[in-house]
Amino acid sequence: MSPGEARLETFPSPAKRPYTIRFETADFTSLCPVTGQMDFAQIVIEYVPGALCVESKSLKFYLASFRNERAFNEAVTNRILDDFVAACAPRSAVVTAEFSARGGIALTVRAEFREGQ
């Protein structure tokens, strides 16, 4: 399954007040578009839901769908944020991806969304 086929499922937020939800995984992988080697990352998604919350099992499968996806780390991080925002329309969301060092250089990408952007 590719990221385009994976579906983030949602459910109604149980509270009207603003509150924060944080997802974290150290099991993320994608492929370097230049070398084809695996890129490993810790992904943190922190968001303030609007009317909908993202169901965690669907998020797990969605993130796993990047396993064979060739893309630059910056593109992957922004794609995750775009798909997440499209699925649940949060008040705000931040995706932080900490990619393991390759050639002695680690890379962290942080993409943000705020309602009204």
N, C-alpha and C. Protein backbone atom coordinates (compact mmCIF):
# COMPACT_ATOMS: atom_id res chain seq x y z
N MET A 1 0.84 -1.17 0.00
CA MET A 1 0.00 0.00 0.00
C MET A 1 0.89 1.24 0.00
N SER A 2 0.55 2.21 -0.83
CA SER A 2 1.30 3.46 -0.89
C SER A 2 0.63 4.53 -0.03
N PRO A 3 1.32 5.63 0.27
CA PRO A 3 0.68 6.69 1.07
C PRO A 3 -0.60 7.23 0.41
N GLY A 4 -0.65 7.21 -0.90
CA GLY A 4 -1.86 7.67 -1.59
C GLY A 4 -3.05 6.76 -1.39
N GLU A 5 -2.79 5.49 -1.10
CA GLU A 5 -3.86 4.51 -0.87
C GLU A 5 -4.23 4.37 0.60
N ALA A 6 -3.31 4.72 1.48
CA ALA A 6 -3.56 4.60 2.92
C ALA A 6 -4.57 5.66 3.36
N ARG A 7 -5.40 5.30 4.32
CA ARG A 7 -6.46 6.21 4.76
C ARG A 7 -6.35 6.47 6.26
N LEU A 8 -6.31 7.75 6.61
CA LEU A 8 -6.35 8.13 8.02
C LEU A 8 -7.80 8.19 8.45
N GLU A 9 -8.16 7.35 9.41
CA GLU A 9 -9.54 7.32 9.90
C GLU A 9 -9.68 8.28 11.08
N THR A 10 -10.89 8.81 11.24
CA THR A 10 -11.14 9.79 12.30
C THR A 10 -12.37 9.40 13.12
N PHE A 11 -12.50 10.06 14.26
CA PHE A 11 -13.68 9.92 15.11
C PHE A 11 -13.95 11.28 15.74
N PRO A 12 -15.19 11.53 16.19
CA PRO A 12 -15.52 12.84 16.77
C PRO A 12 -14.70 13.12 18.03
N SER A 13 -14.22 14.34 18.13
CA SER A 13 -13.49 14.75 19.33
C SER A 13 -14.44 14.71 20.52
N PRO A 14 -14.01 14.12 21.64
CA PRO A 14 -14.90 13.99 22.79
C PRO A 14 -15.02 15.26 23.64
N ALA A 15 -14.26 16.30 23.32
CA ALA A 15 -14.30 17.53 24.13
C ALA A 15 -14.37 18.75 23.22
N LYS A 16 -15.02 19.78 23.69
CA LYS A 16 -15.12 21.04 22.93
C LYS A 16 -13.92 21.94 23.19
N ARG A 17 -13.31 21.85 24.39
CA ARG A 17 -12.20 22.72 24.76
C ARG A 17 -10.94 22.33 23.98
N PRO A 18 -10.01 23.23 23.81
CA PRO A 18 -8.73 22.88 23.19
C PRO A 18 -7.93 21.93 24.09
N TYR A 19 -7.37 20.90 23.52
CA TYR A 19 -6.47 19.98 24.21
C TYR A 19 -5.51 19.42 23.19
N THR A 20 -4.40 18.88 23.66
CA THR A 20 -3.34 18.42 22.77
C THR A 20 -3.25 16.90 22.76
N ILE A 21 -3.07 16.36 21.56
CA ILE A 21 -2.83 14.92 21.38
C ILE A 21 -1.44 14.78 20.76
N ARG A 22 -0.69 13.80 21.24
CA ARG A 22 0.68 13.58 20.74
C ARG A 22 0.83 12.11 20.35
N PHE A 23 1.25 11.89 19.11
CA PHE A 23 1.61 10.55 18.63
C PHE A 23 3.12 10.54 18.45
N GLU A 24 3.73 9.39 18.75
CA GLU A 24 5.18 9.29 18.61
C GLU A 24 5.53 7.87 18.17
N THR A 25 6.40 7.76 17.17
CA THR A 25 6.88 6.45 16.75
C THR A 25 8.34 6.54 16.36
N ALA A 26 9.08 5.50 16.67
CA ALA A 26 10.49 5.41 16.28
C ALA A 26 10.66 4.41 15.15
N ASP A 27 9.56 3.92 14.59
CA ASP A 27 9.60 2.85 13.60
C ASP A 27 9.40 3.32 12.16
N PHE A 28 9.55 4.61 11.89
CA PHE A 28 9.26 5.12 10.55
C PHE A 28 10.43 4.86 9.60
N THR A 29 10.10 4.42 8.39
CA THR A 29 11.11 4.26 7.34
C THR A 29 10.54 4.73 6.01
N SER A 30 11.43 5.25 5.19
CA SER A 30 11.13 5.57 3.79
C SER A 30 12.42 5.32 3.03
N LEU A 31 12.41 5.59 1.73
CA LEU A 31 13.60 5.33 0.92
C LEU A 31 14.18 6.64 0.40
N CYS A 32 15.50 6.73 0.42
CA CYS A 32 16.19 7.88 -0.16
C CYS A 32 15.96 7.86 -1.67
N PRO A 33 15.52 8.99 -2.26
CA PRO A 33 15.25 8.99 -3.69
C PRO A 33 16.52 8.93 -4.55
N VAL A 34 17.66 9.23 -3.96
CA VAL A 34 18.91 9.24 -4.71
C VAL A 34 19.58 7.86 -4.68
N THR A 35 19.71 7.29 -3.47
CA THR A 35 20.45 6.02 -3.32
C THR A 35 19.56 4.79 -3.21
N GLY A 36 18.28 5.00 -2.85
CA GLY A 36 17.39 3.87 -2.61
C GLY A 36 17.58 3.24 -1.25
N GLN A 37 18.51 3.77 -0.44
CA GLN A 37 18.73 3.23 0.90
C GLN A 37 17.61 3.67 1.84
N MET A 38 17.40 2.87 2.89
CA MET A 38 16.36 3.20 3.86
C MET A 38 16.76 4.39 4.71
N ASP A 39 15.79 5.27 4.92
CA ASP A 39 15.92 6.36 5.88
C ASP A 39 15.08 5.99 7.09
N PHE A 40 15.65 6.13 8.26
CA PHE A 40 14.96 5.80 9.52
C PHE A 40 14.68 7.09 10.27
N ALA A 41 13.49 7.18 10.87
CA ALA A 41 13.15 8.41 11.59
C ALA A 41 12.26 8.15 12.78
N GLN A 42 12.36 9.06 13.72
CA GLN A 42 11.37 9.15 14.80
C GLN A 42 10.41 10.25 14.36
N ILE A 43 9.12 9.94 14.35
CA ILE A 43 8.10 10.90 13.95
C ILE A 43 7.26 11.26 15.17
N VAL A 44 7.08 12.55 15.39
CA VAL A 44 6.19 13.04 16.44
C VAL A 44 5.14 13.92 15.77
N ILE A 45 3.88 13.61 16.02
CA ILE A 45 2.76 14.42 15.54
C ILE A 45 2.03 14.93 16.77
N GLU A 46 1.98 16.24 16.90
CA GLU A 46 1.29 16.85 18.03
C GLU A 46 0.25 17.80 17.45
N TYR A 47 -1.01 17.65 17.91
CA TYR A 47 -2.06 18.48 17.34
C TYR A 47 -3.14 18.83 18.35
N VAL A 48 -3.82 19.92 18.06
CA VAL A 48 -5.00 20.32 18.82
C VAL A 48 -6.18 20.05 17.90
N PRO A 49 -7.01 19.06 18.24
CA PRO A 49 -8.09 18.69 17.33
C PRO A 49 -9.16 19.77 17.21
N GLY A 50 -9.80 19.76 16.05
CA GLY A 50 -11.02 20.53 15.86
C GLY A 50 -12.17 19.60 16.22
N ALA A 51 -13.01 19.31 15.25
CA ALA A 51 -14.16 18.43 15.49
C ALA A 51 -13.78 16.95 15.44
N LEU A 52 -12.62 16.63 14.84
CA LEU A 52 -12.24 15.23 14.63
C LEU A 52 -10.87 14.91 15.22
N CYS A 53 -10.71 13.65 15.64
CA CYS A 53 -9.43 13.11 16.09
C CYS A 53 -9.02 12.00 15.12
N VAL A 54 -7.72 11.78 14.98
CA VAL A 54 -7.22 10.70 14.14
C VAL A 54 -7.09 9.43 14.97
N GLU A 55 -7.58 8.34 14.42
CA GLU A 55 -7.53 7.03 15.08
C GLU A 55 -6.11 6.47 14.95
N SER A 56 -5.52 6.03 16.05
CA SER A 56 -4.10 5.68 16.08
C SER A 56 -3.73 4.47 15.22
N LYS A 57 -4.58 3.47 15.12
CA LYS A 57 -4.25 2.30 14.31
C LYS A 57 -4.15 2.67 12.84
N SER A 58 -5.05 3.52 12.37
CA SER A 58 -4.98 3.95 10.97
C SER A 58 -3.73 4.78 10.73
N LEU A 59 -3.31 5.56 11.73
CA LEU A 59 -2.07 6.34 11.61
C LEU A 59 -0.87 5.40 11.50
N LYS A 60 -0.87 4.34 12.27
CA LYS A 60 0.21 3.35 12.21
C LYS A 60 0.34 2.78 10.79
N PHE A 61 -0.78 2.38 10.20
CA PHE A 61 -0.76 1.81 8.85
C PHE A 61 -0.39 2.87 7.81
N TYR A 62 -0.88 4.09 8.01
CA TYR A 62 -0.54 5.18 7.09
C TYR A 62 0.98 5.42 7.10
N LEU A 63 1.57 5.54 8.27
CA LEU A 63 3.01 5.78 8.35
C LEU A 63 3.80 4.61 7.77
N ALA A 64 3.33 3.39 7.98
CA ALA A 64 4.00 2.20 7.43
C ALA A 64 3.96 2.19 5.90
N SER A 65 2.99 2.88 5.31
CA SER A 65 2.86 2.88 3.85
C SER A 65 4.00 3.63 3.17
N PHE A 66 4.80 4.37 3.91
CA PHE A 66 5.95 5.07 3.35
C PHE A 66 7.17 4.17 3.20
N ARG A 67 7.09 2.95 3.67
CA ARG A 67 8.24 2.04 3.71
C ARG A 67 8.94 1.91 2.36
N ASN A 68 8.21 1.88 1.27
CA ASN A 68 8.80 1.73 -0.07
C ASN A 68 8.70 3.01 -0.90
N GLU A 69 8.43 4.11 -0.24
CA GLU A 69 8.26 5.40 -0.92
C GLU A 69 9.61 6.11 -1.04
N ARG A 70 9.97 6.45 -2.28
CA ARG A 70 11.21 7.20 -2.52
C ARG A 70 10.89 8.69 -2.46
N ALA A 71 11.42 9.37 -1.46
CA ALA A 71 11.17 10.80 -1.31
C ALA A 71 12.20 11.42 -0.38
N PHE A 72 12.48 12.68 -0.61
CA PHE A 72 13.37 13.41 0.30
C PHE A 72 12.69 13.57 1.65
N ASN A 73 13.48 13.62 2.70
CA ASN A 73 12.95 13.71 4.06
C ASN A 73 12.04 14.92 4.24
N GLU A 74 12.41 16.04 3.64
CA GLU A 74 11.61 17.26 3.74
C GLU A 74 10.23 17.06 3.11
N ALA A 75 10.19 16.37 1.98
CA ALA A 75 8.93 16.11 1.29
C ALA A 75 8.05 15.15 2.09
N VAL A 76 8.67 14.12 2.65
CA VAL A 76 7.92 13.15 3.46
C VAL A 76 7.25 13.84 4.64
N THR A 77 8.00 14.66 5.36
CA THR A 77 7.47 15.33 6.54
C THR A 77 6.30 16.24 6.18
N ASN A 78 6.44 17.01 5.12
CA ASN A 78 5.36 17.91 4.71
C ASN A 78 4.17 17.15 4.15
N ARG A 79 4.40 16.02 3.51
CA ARG A 79 3.29 15.19 3.02
C ARG A 79 2.48 14.64 4.20
N ILE A 80 3.17 14.18 5.23
CA ILE A 80 2.48 13.66 6.42
C ILE A 80 1.60 14.76 7.01
N LEU A 81 2.15 15.97 7.15
CA LEU A 81 1.36 17.07 7.70
C LEU A 81 0.16 17.38 6.81
N ASP A 82 0.37 17.48 5.50
CA ASP A 82 -0.73 17.80 4.58
C ASP A 82 -1.84 16.75 4.65
N ASP A 83 -1.48 15.48 4.64
CA ASP A 83 -2.48 14.41 4.70
C ASP A 83 -3.21 14.41 6.04
N PHE A 84 -2.48 14.68 7.12
CA PHE A 84 -3.06 14.72 8.46
C PHE A 84 -4.08 15.85 8.57
N VAL A 85 -3.70 17.02 8.09
CA VAL A 85 -4.60 18.19 8.14
C VAL A 85 -5.84 17.94 7.27
N ALA A 86 -5.65 17.34 6.10
CA ALA A 86 -6.78 17.05 5.22
C ALA A 86 -7.75 16.06 5.86
N ALA A 87 -7.22 15.13 6.65
CA ALA A 87 -8.07 14.10 7.26
C ALA A 87 -8.88 14.61 8.43
N CYS A 88 -8.30 15.48 9.27
CA CYS A 88 -8.99 15.81 10.53
C CYS A 88 -9.21 17.30 10.79
N ALA A 89 -8.72 18.18 9.92
CA ALA A 89 -8.91 19.63 10.08
C ALA A 89 -8.65 20.11 11.51
N PRO A 90 -7.42 19.95 12.00
CA PRO A 90 -7.12 20.34 13.38
C PRO A 90 -7.05 21.86 13.53
N ARG A 91 -7.07 22.31 14.78
CA ARG A 91 -6.85 23.74 15.06
C ARG A 91 -5.39 24.09 14.80
N SER A 92 -4.52 23.16 15.15
CA SER A 92 -3.09 23.31 14.86
C SER A 92 -2.46 21.92 14.83
N ALA A 93 -1.34 21.82 14.15
CA ALA A 93 -0.63 20.54 14.09
C ALA A 93 0.85 20.80 13.79
N VAL A 94 1.69 19.97 14.37
CA VAL A 94 3.13 20.02 14.12
C VAL A 94 3.60 18.59 13.89
N VAL A 95 4.34 18.38 12.80
CA VAL A 95 4.98 17.10 12.54
C VAL A 95 6.49 17.33 12.62
N THR A 96 7.14 16.58 13.50
CA THR A 96 8.59 16.65 13.62
C THR A 96 9.15 15.28 13.26
N ALA A 97 10.08 15.28 12.31
CA ALA A 97 10.71 14.03 11.87
C ALA A 97 12.21 14.14 12.12
N GLU A 98 12.71 13.27 12.98
CA GLU A 98 14.14 13.23 13.29
C GLU A 98 14.74 12.03 12.58
N PHE A 99 15.41 12.30 11.44
CA PHE A 99 15.98 11.22 10.64
C PHE A 99 17.37 10.86 11.16
N SER A 100 17.65 9.58 11.18
CA SER A 100 18.94 9.08 11.67
C SER A 100 20.07 9.59 10.79
N ALA A 101 21.24 9.69 11.39
CA ALA A 101 22.41 10.20 10.67
C ALA A 101 22.76 9.32 9.48
N ARG A 102 23.09 9.99 8.41
CA ARG A 102 23.60 9.33 7.20
C ARG A 102 24.84 10.11 6.81
N GLY A 103 25.97 9.45 6.71
CA GLY A 103 27.21 10.15 6.41
C GLY A 103 27.63 11.10 7.51
N GLY A 104 27.19 10.79 8.75
CA GLY A 104 27.56 11.61 9.89
C GLY A 104 26.68 12.82 10.13
N ILE A 105 25.63 12.99 9.31
CA ILE A 105 24.75 14.15 9.47
C ILE A 105 23.32 13.69 9.70
N ALA A 106 22.77 14.09 10.85
CA ALA A 106 21.36 13.81 11.14
C ALA A 106 20.52 14.98 10.62
N LEU A 107 19.26 14.73 10.34
CA LEU A 107 18.38 15.75 9.79
C LEU A 107 17.07 15.76 10.56
N THR A 108 16.64 16.93 11.00
CA THR A 108 15.34 17.09 11.65
C THR A 108 14.52 18.06 10.82
N VAL A 109 13.30 17.65 10.49
CA VAL A 109 12.37 18.50 9.74
C VAL A 109 11.14 18.72 10.60
N ARG A 110 10.71 19.98 10.70
CA ARG A 110 9.53 20.33 11.49
C ARG A 110 8.59 21.12 10.58
N ALA A 111 7.38 20.61 10.40
CA ALA A 111 6.37 21.28 9.57
C ALA A 111 5.18 21.62 10.46
N GLU A 112 4.64 22.83 10.30
CA GLU A 112 3.57 23.31 11.18
C GLU A 112 2.36 23.78 10.39
N PHE A 113 1.19 23.62 11.02
CA PHE A 113 -0.07 24.12 10.48
C PHE A 113 -0.83 24.82 11.60
N ARG A 114 -1.43 25.95 11.28
CA ARG A 114 -2.33 26.65 12.21
C ARG A 114 -3.63 26.95 11.47
N GLU A 115 -4.73 26.77 12.16
CA GLU A 115 -6.05 27.03 11.59
C GLU A 115 -6.06 28.41 10.95
N GLY A 116 -6.63 28.52 9.77
CA GLY A 116 -6.69 29.79 9.07
C GLY A 116 -5.56 29.99 8.07
N GLN A 117 -4.60 29.06 8.02
CA GLN A 117 -3.49 29.18 7.07
C GLN A 117 -3.93 28.81 5.69
